[in-house]
Amino acid sequence: MLIRLNEVRGRTGLSRSEIYRRIREGGFPKPVKLGEKASAWVLAEVESWIAARIAARDAKEVQA
């Protein structure tokens, strides 16, 4: 399933500029081009990114 930018923002809490900055730095899933001016993200990839952030947080809490 594909989701558009507004849904990605809602799920992650990140701004548009922060999402694109992280994409440039290799720290966020790249969008899929739907057309000349339209892009969307694979929902499973965004959910995996969120899960990885939670796992990293939990790992740090265990080490503390």
PDB file of N, CA and C in Angstrom:
ATOM      1  N   MET A   1       0.845  -1.175   0.000  1.00  0.00           N
ATOM      2  CA  MET A   1       0.000   0.000   0.000  1.00  0.00           C
ATOM      3  C   MET A   1       0.893   1.241   0.000  1.00  0.00           C
ATOM      4  N   LEU A   2       0.486   2.235  -0.745  1.00  0.00           N
ATOM      5  CA  LEU A   2       1.227   3.486  -0.832  1.00  0.00           C
ATOM      6  C   LEU A   2       0.503   4.574  -0.051  1.00  0.00           C
ATOM      7  N   ILE A   3       1.294   5.444   0.580  1.00  0.00           N
ATOM      8  CA  ILE A   3       0.730   6.570   1.320  1.00  0.00           C
ATOM      9  C   ILE A   3       1.396   7.854   0.852  1.00  0.00           C
ATOM     10  N   ARG A   4       0.631   8.924   0.885  1.00  0.00           N
ATOM     11  CA  ARG A   4       1.136  10.208   0.426  1.00  0.00           C
ATOM     12  C   ARG A   4       1.821  10.958   1.566  1.00  0.00           C
ATOM     13  N   LEU A   5       2.453  12.072   1.228  1.00  0.00           N
ATOM     14  CA  LEU A   5       3.277  12.826   2.164  1.00  0.00           C
ATOM     15  C   LEU A   5       2.528  13.215   3.438  1.00  0.00           C
ATOM     16  N   ASN A   6       1.302  13.684   3.323  1.00  0.00           N
ATOM     17  CA  ASN A   6       0.575  14.101   4.522  1.00  0.00           C
ATOM     18  C   ASN A   6       0.396  12.946   5.502  1.00  0.00           C
ATOM     19  N   GLU A   7       0.168  11.740   4.992  1.00  0.00           N
ATOM     20  CA  GLU A   7       0.032  10.599   5.886  1.00  0.00           C
ATOM     21  C   GLU A   7       1.384  10.213   6.487  1.00  0.00           C
ATOM     22  N   VAL A   8       2.444  10.300   5.705  1.00  0.00           N
ATOM     23  CA  VAL A   8       3.788  10.041   6.236  1.00  0.00           C
ATOM     24  C   VAL A   8       4.081  11.022   7.371  1.00  0.00           C
ATOM     25  N   ARG A   9       3.761  12.281   7.155  1.00  0.00           N
ATOM     26  CA  ARG A   9       3.972  13.298   8.198  1.00  0.00           C
ATOM     27  C   ARG A   9       3.165  12.969   9.442  1.00  0.00           C
ATOM     28  N   GLY A  10       1.926  12.557   9.259  1.00  0.00           N
ATOM     29  CA  GLY A  10       1.080  12.223  10.397  1.00  0.00           C
ATOM     30  C   GLY A  10       1.574  11.018  11.169  1.00  0.00           C
ATOM     31  N   ARG A  11       2.080  10.020  10.466  1.00  0.00           N
ATOM     32  CA  ARG A  11       2.558   8.798  11.114  1.00  0.00           C
ATOM     33  C   ARG A  11       3.893   9.004  11.826  1.00  0.00           C
ATOM     34  N   THR A  12       4.740   9.876  11.279  1.00  0.00           N
ATOM     35  CA  THR A  12       6.086  10.046  11.837  1.00  0.00           C
ATOM     36  C   THR A  12       6.218  11.254  12.754  1.00  0.00           C
ATOM     37  N   GLY A  13       5.375  12.242  12.572  1.00  0.00           N
ATOM     38  CA  GLY A  13       5.520  13.481  13.321  1.00  0.00           C
ATOM     39  C   GLY A  13       6.607  14.383  12.768  1.00  0.00           C
ATOM     40  N   LEU A  14       7.149  14.038  11.605  1.00  0.00           N
ATOM     41  CA  LEU A  14       8.210  14.829  10.982  1.00  0.00           C
ATOM     42  C   LEU A  14       7.624  15.838  10.008  1.00  0.00           C
ATOM     43  N   SER A  15       8.308  16.950   9.855  1.00  0.00           N
ATOM     44  CA  SER A  15       7.895  17.949   8.864  1.00  0.00           C
ATOM     45  C   SER A  15       8.319  17.480   7.475  1.00  0.00           C
ATOM     46  N   ARG A  16       7.758  18.138   6.462  1.00  0.00           N
ATOM     47  CA  ARG A  16       8.111  17.826   5.079  1.00  0.00           C
ATOM     48  C   ARG A  16       9.613  17.989   4.859  1.00  0.00           C
ATOM     49  N   SER A  17      10.157  19.108   5.326  1.00  0.00           N
ATOM     50  CA  SER A  17      11.581  19.361   5.103  1.00  0.00           C
ATOM     51  C   SER A  17      12.452  18.347   5.834  1.00  0.00           C
ATOM     52  N   GLU A  18      12.043  17.924   7.010  1.00  0.00           N
ATOM     53  CA  GLU A  18      12.822  16.926   7.757  1.00  0.00           C
ATOM     54  C   GLU A  18      12.777  15.567   7.065  1.00  0.00           C
ATOM     55  N   ILE A  19      11.636  15.193   6.528  1.00  0.00           N
ATOM     56  CA  ILE A  19      11.532  13.931   5.784  1.00  0.00           C
ATOM     57  C   ILE A  19      12.499  13.940   4.610  1.00  0.00           C
ATOM     58  N   TYR A  20      12.470  15.008   3.825  1.00  0.00           N
ATOM     59  CA  TYR A  20      13.342  15.071   2.652  1.00  0.00           C
ATOM     60  C   TYR A  20      14.815  15.201   3.030  1.00  0.00           C
ATOM     61  N   ARG A  21      15.124  15.853   4.131  1.00  0.00           N
ATOM     62  CA  ARG A  21      16.516  15.913   4.597  1.00  0.00           C
ATOM     63  C   ARG A  21      17.001  14.516   4.954  1.00  0.00           C
ATOM     64  N   ARG A  22      16.184  13.762   5.670  1.00  0.00           N
ATOM     65  CA  ARG A  22      16.571  12.401   6.055  1.00  0.00           C
ATOM     66  C   ARG A  22      16.697  11.488   4.838  1.00  0.00           C
ATOM     67  N   ILE A  23      15.856  11.679   3.837  1.00  0.00           N
ATOM     68  CA  ILE A  23      15.981  10.900   2.597  1.00  0.00           C
ATOM     69  C   ILE A  23      17.336  11.195   1.952  1.00  0.00           C
ATOM     70  N   ARG A  24      17.694  12.466   1.842  1.00  0.00           N
ATOM     71  CA  ARG A  24      18.987  12.843   1.239  1.00  0.00           C
ATOM     72  C   ARG A  24      20.157  12.220   1.984  1.00  0.00           C
ATOM     73  N   GLU A  25      20.024  12.116   3.308  1.00  0.00           N
ATOM     74  CA  GLU A  25      21.101  11.565   4.137  1.00  0.00           C
ATOM     75  C   GLU A  25      21.037  10.044   4.243  1.00  0.00           C
ATOM     76  N   GLY A  26      20.059   9.421   3.624  1.00  0.00           N
ATOM     77  CA  GLY A  26      19.941   7.969   3.649  1.00  0.00           C
ATOM     78  C   GLY A  26      19.286   7.425   4.906  1.00  0.00           C
ATOM     79  N   GLY A  27      18.599   8.289   5.647  1.00  0.00           N
ATOM     80  CA  GLY A  27      18.013   7.857   6.911  1.00  0.00           C
ATOM     81  C   GLY A  27      16.502   7.723   6.909  1.00  0.00           C
ATOM     82  N   PHE A  28      15.894   7.696   5.727  1.00  0.00           N
ATOM     83  CA  PHE A  28      14.444   7.545   5.628  1.00  0.00           C
ATOM     84  C   PHE A  28      14.133   6.902   4.281  1.00  0.00           C
ATOM     85  N   PRO A  29      13.074   6.089   4.209  1.00  0.00           N
ATOM     86  CA  PRO A  29      12.738   5.437   2.928  1.00  0.00           C
ATOM     87  C   PRO A  29      12.477   6.445   1.810  1.00  0.00           C
ATOM     88  N   LYS A  30      12.920   6.095   0.625  1.00  0.00           N
ATOM     89  CA  LYS A  30      12.699   6.944  -0.542  1.00  0.00           C
ATOM     90  C   LYS A  30      11.268   6.759  -1.050  1.00  0.00           C
ATOM     91  N   PRO A  31      10.689   7.821  -1.593  1.00  0.00           N
ATOM     92  CA  PRO A  31       9.342   7.702  -2.154  1.00  0.00           C
ATOM     93  C   PRO A  31       9.364   7.013  -3.519  1.00  0.00           C
ATOM     94  N   VAL A  32       8.190   6.581  -3.943  1.00  0.00           N
ATOM     95  CA  VAL A  32       7.973   5.992  -5.261  1.00  0.00           C
ATOM     96  C   VAL A  32       7.318   7.070  -6.119  1.00  0.00           C
ATOM     97  N   LYS A  33       7.872   7.310  -7.286  1.00  0.00           N
ATOM     98  CA  LYS A  33       7.274   8.305  -8.182  1.00  0.00           C
ATOM     99  C   LYS A  33       6.000   7.724  -8.789  1.00  0.00           C
ATOM    100  N   LEU A  34       4.909   8.470  -8.677  1.00  0.00           N
ATOM    101  CA  LEU A  34       3.626   8.059  -9.252  1.00  0.00           C
ATOM    102  C   LEU A  34       3.367   8.768 -10.571  1.00  0.00           C
ATOM    103  N   GLY A  35       4.048   9.853 -10.765  1.00  0.00           N
ATOM    104  CA  GLY A  35       3.891  10.656 -11.967  1.00  0.00           C
ATOM    105  C   GLY A  35       4.909  11.769 -11.932  1.00  0.00           C
ATOM    106  N   GLU A  36       4.730  12.728 -12.808  1.00  0.00           N
ATOM    107  CA  GLU A  36       5.690  13.824 -12.908  1.00  0.00           C
ATOM    108  C   GLU A  36       5.765  14.641 -11.616  1.00  0.00           C
ATOM    109  N   LYS A  37       4.616  14.843 -10.962  1.00  0.00           N
ATOM    110  CA  LYS A  37       4.593  15.686  -9.771  1.00  0.00           C
ATOM    111  C   LYS A  37       4.024  14.978  -8.550  1.00  0.00           C
ATOM    112  N   ALA A  38       3.940  13.677  -8.584  1.00  0.00           N
ATOM    113  CA  ALA A  38       3.332  12.947  -7.465  1.00  0.00           C
ATOM    114  C   ALA A  38       4.252  11.828  -6.994  1.00  0.00           C
ATOM    115  N   SER A  39       4.381  11.717  -5.673  1.00  0.00           N
ATOM    116  CA  SER A  39       5.173  10.655  -5.057  1.00  0.00           C
ATOM    117  C   SER A  39       4.386  10.077  -3.890  1.00  0.00           C
ATOM    118  N   ALA A  40       4.744   8.859  -3.526  1.00  0.00           N
ATOM    119  CA  ALA A  40       4.134   8.210  -2.366  1.00  0.00           C
ATOM    120  C   ALA A  40       5.171   7.283  -1.755  1.00  0.00           C
ATOM    121  N   TRP A  41       4.922   6.870  -0.531  1.00  0.00           N
ATOM    122  CA  TRP A  41       5.824   5.976   0.179  1.00  0.00           C
ATOM    123  C   TRP A  41       5.156   4.633   0.379  1.00  0.00           C
ATOM    124  N   VAL A  42       5.972   3.586   0.430  1.00  0.00           N
ATOM    125  CA  VAL A  42       5.464   2.246   0.719  1.00  0.00           C
ATOM    126  C   VAL A  42       5.179   2.203   2.222  1.00  0.00           C
ATOM    127  N   LEU A  43       3.934   1.948   2.580  1.00  0.00           N
ATOM    128  CA  LEU A  43       3.519   1.961   3.976  1.00  0.00           C
ATOM    129  C   LEU A  43       4.390   1.035   4.825  1.00  0.00           C
ATOM    130  N   ALA A  44       4.666  -0.161   4.344  1.00  0.00           N
ATOM    131  CA  ALA A  44       5.471  -1.120   5.112  1.00  0.00           C
ATOM    132  C   ALA A  44       6.868  -0.574   5.394  1.00  0.00           C
ATOM    133  N   GLU A  45       7.440   0.172   4.461  1.00  0.00           N
ATOM    134  CA  GLU A  45       8.776   0.741   4.673  1.00  0.00           C
ATOM    135  C   GLU A  45       8.741   1.838   5.739  1.00  0.00           C
ATOM    136  N   VAL A  46       7.700   2.650   5.725  1.00  0.00           N
ATOM    137  CA  VAL A  46       7.568   3.696   6.740  1.00  0.00           C
ATOM    138  C   VAL A  46       7.335   3.063   8.112  1.00  0.00           C
ATOM    139  N   GLU A  47       6.488   2.038   8.162  1.00  0.00           N
ATOM    140  CA  GLU A  47       6.245   1.344   9.431  1.00  0.00           C
ATOM    141  C   GLU A  47       7.512   0.674   9.950  1.00  0.00           C
ATOM    142  N   SER A  48       8.322   0.120   9.059  1.00  0.00           N
ATOM    143  CA  SER A  48       9.598  -0.485   9.464  1.00  0.00           C
ATOM    144  C   SER A  48      10.548   0.561  10.015  1.00  0.00           C
ATOM    145  N   TRP A  49      10.569   1.732   9.397  1.00  0.00           N
ATOM    146  CA  TRP A  49      11.406   2.826   9.874  1.00  0.00           C
ATOM    147  C   TRP A  49      10.982   3.233  11.286  1.00  0.00           C
ATOM    148  N   ILE A  50       9.681   3.348  11.508  1.00  0.00           N
ATOM    149  CA  ILE A  50       9.171   3.697  12.833  1.00  0.00           C
ATOM    150  C   ILE A  50       9.547   2.612  13.841  1.00  0.00           C
ATOM    151  N   ALA A  51       9.357   1.349  13.478  1.00  0.00           N
ATOM    152  CA  ALA A  51       9.690   0.238  14.372  1.00  0.00           C
ATOM    153  C   ALA A  51      11.171   0.227  14.729  1.00  0.00           C
ATOM    154  N   ALA A  52      12.022   0.569  13.760  1.00  0.00           N
ATOM    155  CA  ALA A  52      13.467   0.618  14.023  1.00  0.00           C
ATOM    156  C   ALA A  52      13.807   1.728  15.012  1.00  0.00           C
ATOM    157  N   ARG A  53      13.128   2.871  14.918  1.00  0.00           N
ATOM    158  CA  ARG A  53      13.352   3.958  15.878  1.00  0.00           C
ATOM    159  C   ARG A  53      12.957   3.514  17.280  1.00  0.00           C
ATOM    160  N   ILE A  54      11.836   2.793  17.395  1.00  0.00           N
ATOM    161  CA  ILE A  54      11.383   2.303  18.699  1.00  0.00           C
ATOM    162  C   ILE A  54      12.365   1.275  19.248  1.00  0.00           C
ATOM    163  N   ALA A  55      12.835   0.363  18.396  1.00  0.00           N
ATOM    164  CA  ALA A  55      13.787  -0.659  18.833  1.00  0.00           C
ATOM    165  C   ALA A  55      15.087  -0.025  19.308  1.00  0.00           C
ATOM    166  N   ALA A  56      15.550   1.003  18.602  1.00  0.00           N
ATOM    167  CA  ALA A  56      16.785   1.689  19.006  1.00  0.00           C
ATOM    168  C   ALA A  56      16.598   2.362  20.358  1.00  0.00           C
ATOM    169  N   ARG A  57      15.449   2.968  20.565  1.00  0.00           N
ATOM    170  CA  ARG A  57      15.170   3.607  21.854  1.00  0.00           C
ATOM    171  C   ARG A  57      15.143   2.565  22.966  1.00  0.00           C
ATOM    172  N   ASP A  58      14.478   1.443  22.712  1.00  0.00           N
ATOM    173  CA  ASP A  58      14.379   0.396  23.721  1.00  0.00           C
ATOM    174  C   ASP A  58      15.739  -0.219  24.040  1.00  0.00           C
ATOM    175  N   ALA A  59      16.588  -0.351  23.033  1.00  0.00           N
ATOM    176  CA  ALA A  59      17.924  -0.901  23.251  1.00  0.00           C
ATOM    177  C   ALA A  59      18.748   0.032  24.140  1.00  0.00           C
ATOM    178  N   LYS A  60      18.603   1.326  23.941  1.00  0.00           N
ATOM    179  CA  LYS A  60      19.325   2.304  24.763  1.00  0.00           C
ATOM    180  C   LYS A  60      18.830   2.265  26.198  1.00  0.00           C
ATOM    181  N   GLU A  61      17.522   2.066  26.393  1.00  0.00           N
ATOM    182  CA  GLU A  61      16.964   2.000  27.744  1.00  0.00           C
ATOM    183  C   GLU A  61      17.473   0.771  28.490  1.00  0.00           C
ATOM    184  N   VAL A  62      17.642  -0.338  27.778  1.00  0.00           N
ATOM    185  CA  VAL A  62      18.132  -1.575  28.393  1.00  0.00           C
ATOM    186  C   VAL A  62      19.585  -1.399  28.822  1.00  0.00           C
ATOM    187  N   GLN A  63      20.384  -0.682  28.025  1.00  0.00           N
ATOM    188  CA  GLN A  63      21.793  -0.474  28.344  1.00  0.00           C
ATOM    189  C   GLN A  63      21.979   0.462  29.529  1.00  0.00           C
ATOM    190  N   ALA A  64      21.036   1.350  29.747  1.00  0.00           N
ATOM    191  CA  ALA A  64      21.171   2.353  30.810  1.00  0.00           C
ATOM    192  C   ALA A  64      21.047   1.774  32.193  1.00  0.00           C
TER     193      ALA A  64
END
